[in-house]
Amino acid sequence: MGISCEEVWRDLSGYIDGELHPSQQVLLDVHFAECRHCAAVLEGTRNVIQVYRDERILTMPEAFRERLQETLREQTATPRRSFLAWALAAAAALPVGFGLYSILSSLKRRTSLPARDTAPVTGLVAVSQDAKIKVFHIAGCPKLQGKPKFLPVEKALRDGYAPCPYCIGKARQEKKG
């Protein structure tokens, strides 16, 4: 089978509603044809949906309907309270968000070497034309992937490339040793 039962269950609602990409829809069709268990889950889910859509089966008693409508009117009559609760929650979330942002920023700064710490690198450096992360390497670095493009180190820094911690660290060690 091309797709697991867990993946089928995760996408079951989208399958029933016809919201999946056509290729995903075909994968599920094939899976349902091959897996009796998932086919039974699909049919059971469709039956439950059909039952809940039938208004005759789930009619509310009139007294319950009136109490429900009264409760809803009371709860929606105080939108100011709910806005205040939302505003307080947002105000409390701001410091948490800023704290997480500062932690992530400091971690990012620690994982890449600062531009001024490229003393062992002079001349040309290699950058990958295919990479999504802007990192420059010393020629021959095993971490360089894709088609290399060679630039002067100053231009690479100006273009926003950061030094590769692996090959710059190795060059620093060789310079010391």
N, C-alpha and C. Protein backbone atom coordinates (compact mmCIF):
# COMPACT_ATOMS: atom_id res chain seq x y z
N MET A 1 0.84 -1.19 0.00
CA MET A 1 0.00 0.00 0.00
C MET A 1 0.89 1.24 0.00
N GLY A 2 0.46 2.30 -0.68
CA GLY A 2 1.26 3.51 -0.82
C GLY A 2 1.10 4.49 0.32
N ILE A 3 0.09 4.33 1.17
CA ILE A 3 -0.18 5.29 2.24
C ILE A 3 -0.60 4.50 3.47
N SER A 4 -0.21 4.96 4.65
CA SER A 4 -0.52 4.22 5.87
C SER A 4 -1.94 4.52 6.35
N CYS A 5 -2.46 3.63 7.18
CA CYS A 5 -3.81 3.82 7.72
C CYS A 5 -3.88 5.11 8.54
N GLU A 6 -2.83 5.43 9.30
CA GLU A 6 -2.83 6.65 10.11
C GLU A 6 -2.94 7.90 9.23
N GLU A 7 -2.26 7.88 8.09
CA GLU A 7 -2.36 9.01 7.16
C GLU A 7 -3.77 9.11 6.58
N VAL A 8 -4.38 7.96 6.32
CA VAL A 8 -5.75 7.95 5.81
C VAL A 8 -6.69 8.55 6.84
N TRP A 9 -6.56 8.15 8.10
CA TRP A 9 -7.45 8.66 9.14
C TRP A 9 -7.27 10.16 9.32
N ARG A 10 -6.02 10.64 9.18
CA ARG A 10 -5.75 12.07 9.33
C ARG A 10 -6.44 12.87 8.23
N ASP A 11 -6.51 12.31 7.02
CA ASP A 11 -7.08 13.03 5.88
C ASP A 11 -8.52 12.64 5.57
N LEU A 12 -9.15 11.86 6.45
CA LEU A 12 -10.49 11.34 6.17
C LEU A 12 -11.51 12.45 5.98
N SER A 13 -11.49 13.46 6.82
CA SER A 13 -12.46 14.55 6.71
C SER A 13 -12.31 15.29 5.40
N GLY A 14 -11.07 15.60 5.02
CA GLY A 14 -10.83 16.27 3.74
C GLY A 14 -11.24 15.40 2.56
N TYR A 15 -11.08 14.09 2.68
CA TYR A 15 -11.48 13.16 1.63
C TYR A 15 -13.00 13.20 1.45
N ILE A 16 -13.71 13.12 2.56
CA ILE A 16 -15.18 13.11 2.50
C ILE A 16 -15.70 14.44 1.95
N ASP A 17 -15.07 15.54 2.34
CA ASP A 17 -15.51 16.86 1.88
C ASP A 17 -14.99 17.22 0.49
N GLY A 18 -14.13 16.38 -0.09
CA GLY A 18 -13.58 16.64 -1.41
C GLY A 18 -12.59 17.79 -1.43
N GLU A 19 -11.85 17.98 -0.33
CA GLU A 19 -10.92 19.11 -0.20
C GLU A 19 -9.46 18.73 -0.42
N LEU A 20 -9.19 17.48 -0.74
CA LEU A 20 -7.81 17.03 -0.90
C LEU A 20 -7.31 17.31 -2.32
N HIS A 21 -6.00 17.39 -2.46
CA HIS A 21 -5.37 17.50 -3.78
C HIS A 21 -5.72 16.23 -4.56
N PRO A 22 -5.95 16.33 -5.85
CA PRO A 22 -6.35 15.14 -6.63
C PRO A 22 -5.41 13.95 -6.47
N SER A 23 -4.10 14.19 -6.38
CA SER A 23 -3.18 13.06 -6.22
C SER A 23 -3.37 12.39 -4.86
N GLN A 24 -3.63 13.18 -3.82
CA GLN A 24 -3.88 12.62 -2.49
C GLN A 24 -5.21 11.86 -2.49
N GLN A 25 -6.20 12.39 -3.20
CA GLN A 25 -7.51 11.75 -3.31
C GLN A 25 -7.35 10.36 -3.95
N VAL A 26 -6.52 10.26 -4.98
CA VAL A 26 -6.29 8.98 -5.67
C VAL A 26 -5.60 8.00 -4.72
N LEU A 27 -4.61 8.48 -3.96
CA LEU A 27 -3.93 7.60 -3.01
C LEU A 27 -4.92 7.00 -2.01
N LEU A 28 -5.84 7.85 -1.50
CA LEU A 28 -6.83 7.35 -0.56
C LEU A 28 -7.81 6.39 -1.23
N ASP A 29 -8.21 6.67 -2.48
CA ASP A 29 -9.09 5.76 -3.20
C ASP A 29 -8.45 4.37 -3.30
N VAL A 30 -7.17 4.32 -3.67
CA VAL A 30 -6.45 3.06 -3.79
C VAL A 30 -6.39 2.36 -2.43
N HIS A 31 -6.09 3.15 -1.37
CA HIS A 31 -5.99 2.56 -0.04
C HIS A 31 -7.34 1.96 0.39
N PHE A 32 -8.44 2.68 0.15
CA PHE A 32 -9.76 2.16 0.52
C PHE A 32 -10.10 0.89 -0.25
N ALA A 33 -9.64 0.79 -1.48
CA ALA A 33 -9.89 -0.41 -2.27
C ALA A 33 -9.11 -1.61 -1.72
N GLU A 34 -7.95 -1.35 -1.11
CA GLU A 34 -7.09 -2.44 -0.63
C GLU A 34 -7.27 -2.74 0.86
N CYS A 35 -7.72 -1.78 1.66
CA CYS A 35 -7.78 -1.95 3.12
C CYS A 35 -9.24 -1.99 3.58
N ARG A 36 -9.69 -3.16 4.00
CA ARG A 36 -11.08 -3.31 4.44
C ARG A 36 -11.36 -2.52 5.70
N HIS A 37 -10.38 -2.43 6.58
CA HIS A 37 -10.58 -1.71 7.84
C HIS A 37 -10.84 -0.21 7.57
N CYS A 38 -10.01 0.39 6.74
CA CYS A 38 -10.17 1.82 6.45
C CYS A 38 -11.46 2.07 5.65
N ALA A 39 -11.81 1.13 4.77
CA ALA A 39 -13.06 1.26 4.02
C ALA A 39 -14.25 1.26 4.98
N ALA A 40 -14.17 0.42 6.02
CA ALA A 40 -15.25 0.37 7.02
C ALA A 40 -15.30 1.67 7.83
N VAL A 41 -14.13 2.21 8.17
CA VAL A 41 -14.09 3.49 8.89
C VAL A 41 -14.70 4.59 8.03
N LEU A 42 -14.38 4.60 6.73
CA LEU A 42 -14.94 5.59 5.81
C LEU A 42 -16.46 5.49 5.77
N GLU A 43 -16.97 4.29 5.58
CA GLU A 43 -18.42 4.11 5.51
C GLU A 43 -19.10 4.48 6.82
N GLY A 44 -18.50 4.09 7.94
CA GLY A 44 -19.06 4.45 9.24
C GLY A 44 -19.11 5.95 9.45
N THR A 45 -18.04 6.63 9.05
CA THR A 45 -17.99 8.09 9.18
C THR A 45 -19.05 8.73 8.31
N ARG A 46 -19.19 8.24 7.09
CA ARG A 46 -20.23 8.79 6.20
C ARG A 46 -21.62 8.56 6.77
N ASN A 47 -21.85 7.40 7.38
CA ASN A 47 -23.16 7.12 7.99
C ASN A 47 -23.45 8.07 9.14
N VAL A 48 -22.44 8.34 9.98
CA VAL A 48 -22.63 9.25 11.10
C VAL A 48 -22.94 10.66 10.59
N ILE A 49 -22.24 11.09 9.57
CA ILE A 49 -22.49 12.42 9.00
C ILE A 49 -23.91 12.49 8.45
N GLN A 50 -24.34 11.44 7.78
CA GLN A 50 -25.69 11.42 7.21
C GLN A 50 -26.75 11.49 8.31
N VAL A 51 -26.52 10.77 9.40
CA VAL A 51 -27.47 10.79 10.51
C VAL A 51 -27.55 12.19 11.12
N TYR A 52 -26.42 12.83 11.32
CA TYR A 52 -26.42 14.16 11.93
C TYR A 52 -27.00 15.23 11.01
N ARG A 53 -26.92 15.01 9.71
CA ARG A 53 -27.49 15.98 8.76
C ARG A 53 -29.01 15.85 8.65
N ASP A 54 -29.55 14.72 9.06
CA ASP A 54 -30.98 14.50 8.96
C ASP A 54 -31.67 15.22 10.12
N GLU A 55 -32.40 16.29 9.83
CA GLU A 55 -33.03 17.11 10.87
C GLU A 55 -34.10 16.35 11.64
N ARG A 56 -34.72 15.34 11.02
CA ARG A 56 -35.79 14.61 11.68
C ARG A 56 -35.27 13.82 12.87
N ILE A 57 -34.03 13.38 12.81
CA ILE A 57 -33.50 12.53 13.87
C ILE A 57 -33.11 13.36 15.09
N LEU A 58 -32.59 14.55 14.87
CA LEU A 58 -32.09 15.36 15.98
C LEU A 58 -32.94 16.61 16.23
N THR A 59 -34.21 16.46 16.36
CA THR A 59 -35.05 17.62 16.67
C THR A 59 -34.97 17.92 18.16
N MET A 60 -34.88 19.22 18.46
CA MET A 60 -34.79 19.65 19.85
C MET A 60 -36.19 19.85 20.41
N PRO A 61 -36.40 19.44 21.66
CA PRO A 61 -37.68 19.77 22.30
C PRO A 61 -37.81 21.29 22.41
N GLU A 62 -39.01 21.79 22.27
CA GLU A 62 -39.24 23.24 22.26
C GLU A 62 -38.74 23.91 23.54
N ALA A 63 -38.95 23.30 24.69
CA ALA A 63 -38.51 23.91 25.96
C ALA A 63 -36.99 24.01 26.00
N PHE A 64 -36.30 23.00 25.52
CA PHE A 64 -34.83 23.03 25.49
C PHE A 64 -34.35 24.11 24.53
N ARG A 65 -35.00 24.23 23.38
CA ARG A 65 -34.63 25.25 22.40
C ARG A 65 -34.75 26.64 23.00
N GLU A 66 -35.84 26.89 23.73
CA GLU A 66 -36.03 28.21 24.34
C GLU A 66 -34.95 28.51 25.38
N ARG A 67 -34.62 27.51 26.23
CA ARG A 67 -33.57 27.70 27.24
C ARG A 67 -32.22 27.95 26.58
N LEU A 68 -31.93 27.21 25.51
CA LEU A 68 -30.67 27.39 24.79
C LEU A 68 -30.59 28.79 24.19
N GLN A 69 -31.65 29.24 23.56
CA GLN A 69 -31.65 30.58 22.97
C GLN A 69 -31.49 31.65 24.04
N GLU A 70 -32.13 31.48 25.18
CA GLU A 70 -32.00 32.45 26.27
C GLU A 70 -30.56 32.49 26.80
N THR A 71 -29.95 31.33 26.95
CA THR A 71 -28.56 31.26 27.41
C THR A 71 -27.62 31.93 26.42
N LEU A 72 -27.83 31.68 25.15
CA LEU A 72 -27.00 32.31 24.12
C LEU A 72 -27.17 33.82 24.11
N ARG A 73 -28.41 34.30 24.29
CA ARG A 73 -28.64 35.75 24.35
C ARG A 73 -27.91 36.37 25.54
N GLU A 74 -27.94 35.69 26.69
CA GLU A 74 -27.26 36.21 27.88
C GLU A 74 -25.74 36.26 27.68
N GLN A 75 -25.20 35.23 27.07
CA GLN A 75 -23.75 35.18 26.89
C GLN A 75 -23.26 36.15 25.82
N THR A 76 -24.05 36.40 24.82
CA THR A 76 -23.62 37.34 23.78
C THR A 76 -23.97 38.78 24.11
N ALA A 77 -24.73 38.99 25.17
CA ALA A 77 -25.10 40.36 25.56
C ALA A 77 -23.93 41.09 26.22
N THR A 78 -22.87 40.38 26.58
CA THR A 78 -21.73 41.02 27.25
C THR A 78 -20.47 40.85 26.41
N PRO A 79 -20.42 41.45 25.22
CA PRO A 79 -19.21 41.31 24.40
C PRO A 79 -18.03 42.06 24.99
N ARG A 80 -18.30 43.06 25.83
CA ARG A 80 -17.21 43.84 26.43
C ARG A 80 -16.35 42.96 27.32
N ARG A 81 -17.00 42.07 28.08
CA ARG A 81 -16.26 41.18 28.96
C ARG A 81 -15.35 40.24 28.16
N SER A 82 -15.88 39.69 27.08
CA SER A 82 -15.06 38.77 26.29
C SER A 82 -13.91 39.52 25.60
N PHE A 83 -14.16 40.77 25.17
CA PHE A 83 -13.08 41.56 24.58
C PHE A 83 -12.00 41.84 25.61
N LEU A 84 -12.41 42.16 26.82
CA LEU A 84 -11.45 42.44 27.89
C LEU A 84 -10.61 41.20 28.18
N ALA A 85 -11.23 40.03 28.21
CA ALA A 85 -10.49 38.79 28.46
C ALA A 85 -9.51 38.53 27.32
N TRP A 86 -9.93 38.79 26.10
CA TRP A 86 -9.05 38.60 24.95
C TRP A 86 -7.88 39.56 25.01
N ALA A 87 -8.15 40.82 25.35
CA ALA A 87 -7.09 41.82 25.41
C ALA A 87 -6.08 41.48 26.51
N LEU A 88 -6.57 41.01 27.65
CA LEU A 88 -5.65 40.62 28.74
C LEU A 88 -4.79 39.43 28.32
N ALA A 89 -5.39 38.48 27.64
CA ALA A 89 -4.62 37.31 27.18
C ALA A 89 -3.56 37.74 26.17
N ALA A 90 -3.91 38.64 25.27
CA ALA A 90 -2.94 39.12 24.29
C ALA A 90 -1.81 39.89 24.97
N ALA A 91 -2.16 40.70 25.95
CA ALA A 91 -1.14 41.46 26.68
C ALA A 91 -0.20 40.53 27.43
N ALA A 92 -0.73 39.44 27.96
CA ALA A 92 0.13 38.49 28.68
C ALA A 92 1.00 37.69 27.71
N ALA A 93 0.53 37.49 26.49
CA ALA A 93 1.29 36.71 25.51
C ALA A 93 2.44 37.50 24.90
N LEU A 94 2.36 38.81 24.88
CA LEU A 94 3.42 39.62 24.27
C LEU A 94 4.78 39.40 24.92
N PRO A 95 4.91 39.48 26.25
CA PRO A 95 6.24 39.25 26.83
C PRO A 95 6.77 37.84 26.56
N VAL A 96 5.87 36.87 26.54
CA VAL A 96 6.30 35.50 26.25
C VAL A 96 6.84 35.43 24.82
N GLY A 97 6.14 36.06 23.89
CA GLY A 97 6.59 36.06 22.50
C GLY A 97 7.93 36.75 22.33
N PHE A 98 8.10 37.90 22.98
CA PHE A 98 9.37 38.60 22.89
C PHE A 98 10.50 37.79 23.53
N GLY A 99 10.20 37.10 24.62
CA GLY A 99 11.20 36.26 25.26
C GLY A 99 11.65 35.13 24.34
N LEU A 100 10.68 34.46 23.71
CA LEU A 100 11.02 33.38 22.78
C LEU A 100 11.82 33.91 21.60
N TYR A 101 11.43 35.08 21.10
CA TYR A 101 12.16 35.67 19.97
C TYR A 101 13.61 35.97 20.36
N SER A 102 13.82 36.52 21.55
CA SER A 102 15.19 36.84 21.95
C SER A 102 16.02 35.57 22.16
N ILE A 103 15.41 34.53 22.70
CA ILE A 103 16.13 33.26 22.88
C ILE A 103 16.52 32.69 21.52
N LEU A 104 15.57 32.66 20.59
CA LEU A 104 15.88 32.13 19.26
C LEU A 104 16.93 32.97 18.55
N SER A 105 16.88 34.28 18.73
CA SER A 105 17.88 35.15 18.10
C SER A 105 19.27 34.88 18.66
N SER A 106 19.35 34.71 19.99
CA SER A 106 20.67 34.46 20.57
C SER A 106 21.19 33.09 20.17
N LEU A 107 20.31 32.10 20.05
CA LEU A 107 20.74 30.78 19.58
C LEU A 107 21.23 30.85 18.15
N LYS A 108 20.56 31.61 17.32
CA LYS A 108 20.98 31.75 15.93
C LYS A 108 22.35 32.41 15.85
N ARG A 109 22.57 33.41 16.69
CA ARG A 109 23.87 34.09 16.68
C ARG A 109 24.99 33.16 17.13
N ARG A 110 24.68 32.24 18.04
CA ARG A 110 25.71 31.33 18.55
C ARG A 110 26.07 30.25 17.55
N THR A 111 25.13 29.87 16.66
CA THR A 111 25.40 28.77 15.74
C THR A 111 26.19 29.20 14.52
N SER A 112 26.22 30.49 14.21
CA SER A 112 27.04 30.92 13.09
C SER A 112 28.11 31.87 13.59
N LEU A 113 29.25 31.83 12.94
CA LEU A 113 30.35 32.69 13.37
C LEU A 113 30.08 34.12 12.94
N PRO A 114 30.46 35.10 13.74
CA PRO A 114 30.30 36.47 13.32
C PRO A 114 31.19 36.77 12.13
N ALA A 115 30.80 37.75 11.33
CA ALA A 115 31.52 38.07 10.10
C ALA A 115 32.95 38.48 10.39
N ARG A 116 33.21 39.14 11.50
CA ARG A 116 34.57 39.61 11.78
C ARG A 116 35.48 38.46 12.18
N ASP A 117 34.91 37.28 12.48
CA ASP A 117 35.70 36.15 12.94
C ASP A 117 36.10 35.25 11.77
N THR A 118 36.42 35.84 10.64
CA THR A 118 36.79 35.07 9.46
C THR A 118 38.27 35.28 9.13
N ALA A 119 39.06 35.55 10.15
CA ALA A 119 40.48 35.87 9.95
C ALA A 119 41.23 34.84 9.11
N PRO A 120 41.01 33.52 9.25
CA PRO A 120 41.77 32.58 8.44
C PRO A 120 41.33 32.55 6.98
N VAL A 121 40.25 33.27 6.64
CA VAL A 121 39.72 33.21 5.28
C VAL A 121 40.12 34.47 4.52
N THR A 122 40.76 34.28 3.41
CA THR A 122 41.10 35.39 2.52
C THR A 122 40.87 34.92 1.10
N GLY A 123 40.77 35.85 0.19
CA GLY A 123 40.63 35.49 -1.22
C GLY A 123 39.23 35.04 -1.55
N LEU A 124 39.12 33.95 -2.32
CA LEU A 124 37.83 33.47 -2.79
C LEU A 124 37.24 32.43 -1.84
N VAL A 125 35.91 32.46 -1.72
CA VAL A 125 35.18 31.45 -0.96
C VAL A 125 34.11 30.86 -1.88
N ALA A 126 33.62 29.71 -1.53
CA ALA A 126 32.61 29.02 -2.34
C ALA A 126 31.25 29.15 -1.69
N VAL A 127 30.25 29.48 -2.49
CA VAL A 127 28.86 29.48 -2.02
C VAL A 127 28.09 28.53 -2.93
N SER A 128 27.05 27.93 -2.39
CA SER A 128 26.24 27.02 -3.19
C SER A 128 25.16 27.82 -3.90
N GLN A 129 25.04 27.59 -5.18
CA GLN A 129 24.00 28.27 -5.95
C GLN A 129 22.63 27.65 -5.68
N ASP A 130 22.60 26.44 -5.13
CA ASP A 130 21.34 25.73 -4.91
C ASP A 130 20.85 25.82 -3.47
N ALA A 131 21.69 26.26 -2.54
CA ALA A 131 21.36 26.20 -1.12
C ALA A 131 20.34 27.26 -0.74
N LYS A 132 19.51 26.92 0.25
CA LYS A 132 18.53 27.86 0.78
C LYS A 132 19.12 28.69 1.90
N ILE A 133 20.18 28.21 2.53
CA ILE A 133 20.84 28.92 3.61
C ILE A 133 22.09 29.57 3.05
N LYS A 134 22.27 30.85 3.35
CA LYS A 134 23.40 31.59 2.78
C LYS A 134 24.64 31.40 3.65
N VAL A 135 25.47 30.42 3.28
CA VAL A 135 26.70 30.10 4.00
C VAL A 135 27.83 30.03 2.98
N PHE A 136 29.00 30.59 3.33
CA PHE A 136 30.15 30.44 2.43
C PHE A 136 31.15 29.47 3.03
N HIS A 137 31.90 28.80 2.16
CA HIS A 137 32.81 27.73 2.54
C HIS A 137 34.19 27.98 1.94
N ILE A 138 35.17 27.36 2.58
CA ILE A 138 36.50 27.30 1.98
C ILE A 138 36.43 26.19 0.94
N ALA A 139 37.09 26.36 -0.18
CA ALA A 139 37.06 25.36 -1.25
C ALA A 139 37.44 24.00 -0.69
N GLY A 140 36.68 22.99 -1.04
CA GLY A 140 36.95 21.63 -0.59
C GLY A 140 36.20 21.25 0.68
N CYS A 141 35.41 22.16 1.24
CA CYS A 141 34.65 21.84 2.46
C CYS A 141 33.61 20.76 2.14
N PRO A 142 33.57 19.67 2.94
CA PRO A 142 32.60 18.60 2.65
C PRO A 142 31.15 19.03 2.92
N LYS A 143 30.96 20.14 3.61
CA LYS A 143 29.60 20.60 3.92
C LYS A 143 28.99 21.39 2.75
N LEU A 144 29.80 21.75 1.77
CA LEU A 144 29.31 22.48 0.60
C LEU A 144 28.53 21.52 -0.27
N GLN A 145 27.28 21.86 -0.52
CA GLN A 145 26.43 21.01 -1.34
C GLN A 145 25.92 21.81 -2.52
N GLY A 146 25.71 21.15 -3.62
CA GLY A 146 25.20 21.81 -4.81
C GLY A 146 26.33 22.37 -5.66
N LYS A 147 25.95 23.14 -6.66
CA LYS A 147 26.92 23.70 -7.59
C LYS A 147 27.58 24.92 -6.95
N PRO A 148 28.93 24.91 -6.82
CA PRO A 148 29.60 26.04 -6.16
C PRO A 148 29.76 27.24 -7.08
N LYS A 149 29.76 28.40 -6.44
CA LYS A 149 30.04 29.66 -7.11
C LYS A 149 31.09 30.35 -6.25
N PHE A 150 32.14 30.88 -6.87
CA PHE A 150 33.23 31.47 -6.10
C PHE A 150 33.12 32.99 -6.09
N LEU A 151 33.28 33.56 -4.87
CA LEU A 151 33.19 35.00 -4.65
C LEU A 151 34.33 35.43 -3.75
N PRO A 152 34.75 36.70 -3.82
CA PRO A 152 35.68 37.20 -2.81
C PRO A 152 34.97 37.21 -1.46
N VAL A 153 35.69 36.93 -0.39
CA VAL A 153 35.10 36.83 0.93
C VAL A 153 34.36 38.12 1.30
N GLU A 154 34.88 39.28 0.91
CA GLU A 154 34.22 40.55 1.24
C GLU A 154 32.85 40.65 0.57
N LYS A 155 32.76 40.21 -0.69
CA LYS A 155 31.48 40.26 -1.41
C LYS A 155 30.48 39.28 -0.79
N ALA A 156 30.99 38.11 -0.41
CA ALA A 156 30.10 37.13 0.22
C ALA A 156 29.50 37.69 1.50
N LEU A 157 30.32 38.38 2.30
CA LEU A 157 29.82 38.98 3.54
C LEU A 157 28.81 40.09 3.23
N ARG A 158 29.12 40.93 2.23
CA ARG A 158 28.19 42.00 1.85
C ARG A 158 26.87 41.45 1.35
N ASP A 159 26.90 40.30 0.67
CA ASP A 159 25.69 39.68 0.12
C ASP A 159 24.90 38.90 1.18
N GLY A 160 25.37 38.93 2.41
CA GLY A 160 24.62 38.29 3.49
C GLY A 160 24.99 36.86 3.78
N TYR A 161 26.08 36.37 3.22
CA TYR A 161 26.52 35.00 3.50
C TYR A 161 27.25 34.97 4.84
N ALA A 162 27.05 33.92 5.59
CA ALA A 162 27.74 33.71 6.86
C ALA A 162 28.79 32.63 6.66
N PRO A 163 29.85 32.64 7.46
CA PRO A 163 30.88 31.60 7.30
C PRO A 163 30.40 30.25 7.80
N CYS A 164 30.86 29.20 7.15
CA CYS A 164 30.55 27.83 7.57
C CYS A 164 31.33 27.52 8.84
N PRO A 165 30.67 27.19 9.94
CA PRO A 165 31.38 26.90 11.18
C PRO A 165 32.37 25.75 11.03
N TYR A 166 32.05 24.76 10.19
CA TYR A 166 32.90 23.59 10.05
C TYR A 166 34.23 23.94 9.40
N CYS A 167 34.20 24.50 8.20
CA CYS A 167 35.46 24.71 7.49
C CYS A 167 36.23 25.91 8.05
N ILE A 168 35.54 26.93 8.58
CA ILE A 168 36.25 28.06 9.17
C ILE A 168 36.95 27.61 10.45
N GLY A 169 36.25 26.79 11.24
CA GLY A 169 36.86 26.26 12.47
C GLY A 169 38.07 25.40 12.16
N LYS A 170 37.97 24.60 11.11
CA LYS A 170 39.08 23.74 10.71
C LYS A 170 40.27 24.58 10.24
N ALA A 171 40.00 25.64 9.48
CA ALA A 171 41.05 26.53 9.00
C ALA A 171 41.72 27.24 10.18
N ARG A 172 40.94 27.62 11.17
CA ARG A 172 41.49 28.29 12.35
C ARG A 172 42.44 27.35 13.11
N GLN A 173 42.03 26.06 13.23
CA GLN A 173 42.86 25.08 13.90
C GLN A 173 44.16 24.85 13.15
N GLU A 174 44.08 24.78 11.83
CA GLU A 174 45.29 24.56 11.02
C GLU A 174 46.23 25.75 11.14
N LYS A 175 45.66 26.95 11.24
CA LYS A 175 46.49 28.15 11.34
C LYS A 175 47.24 28.17 12.68
N LYS A 176 46.54 27.71 13.76
CA LYS A 176 47.17 27.67 15.08
C LYS A 176 48.25 26.58 15.14
N GLY A 177 47.96 25.45 14.50
CA GLY A 177 48.84 24.27 14.61
C GLY A 177 49.92 24.30 13.65
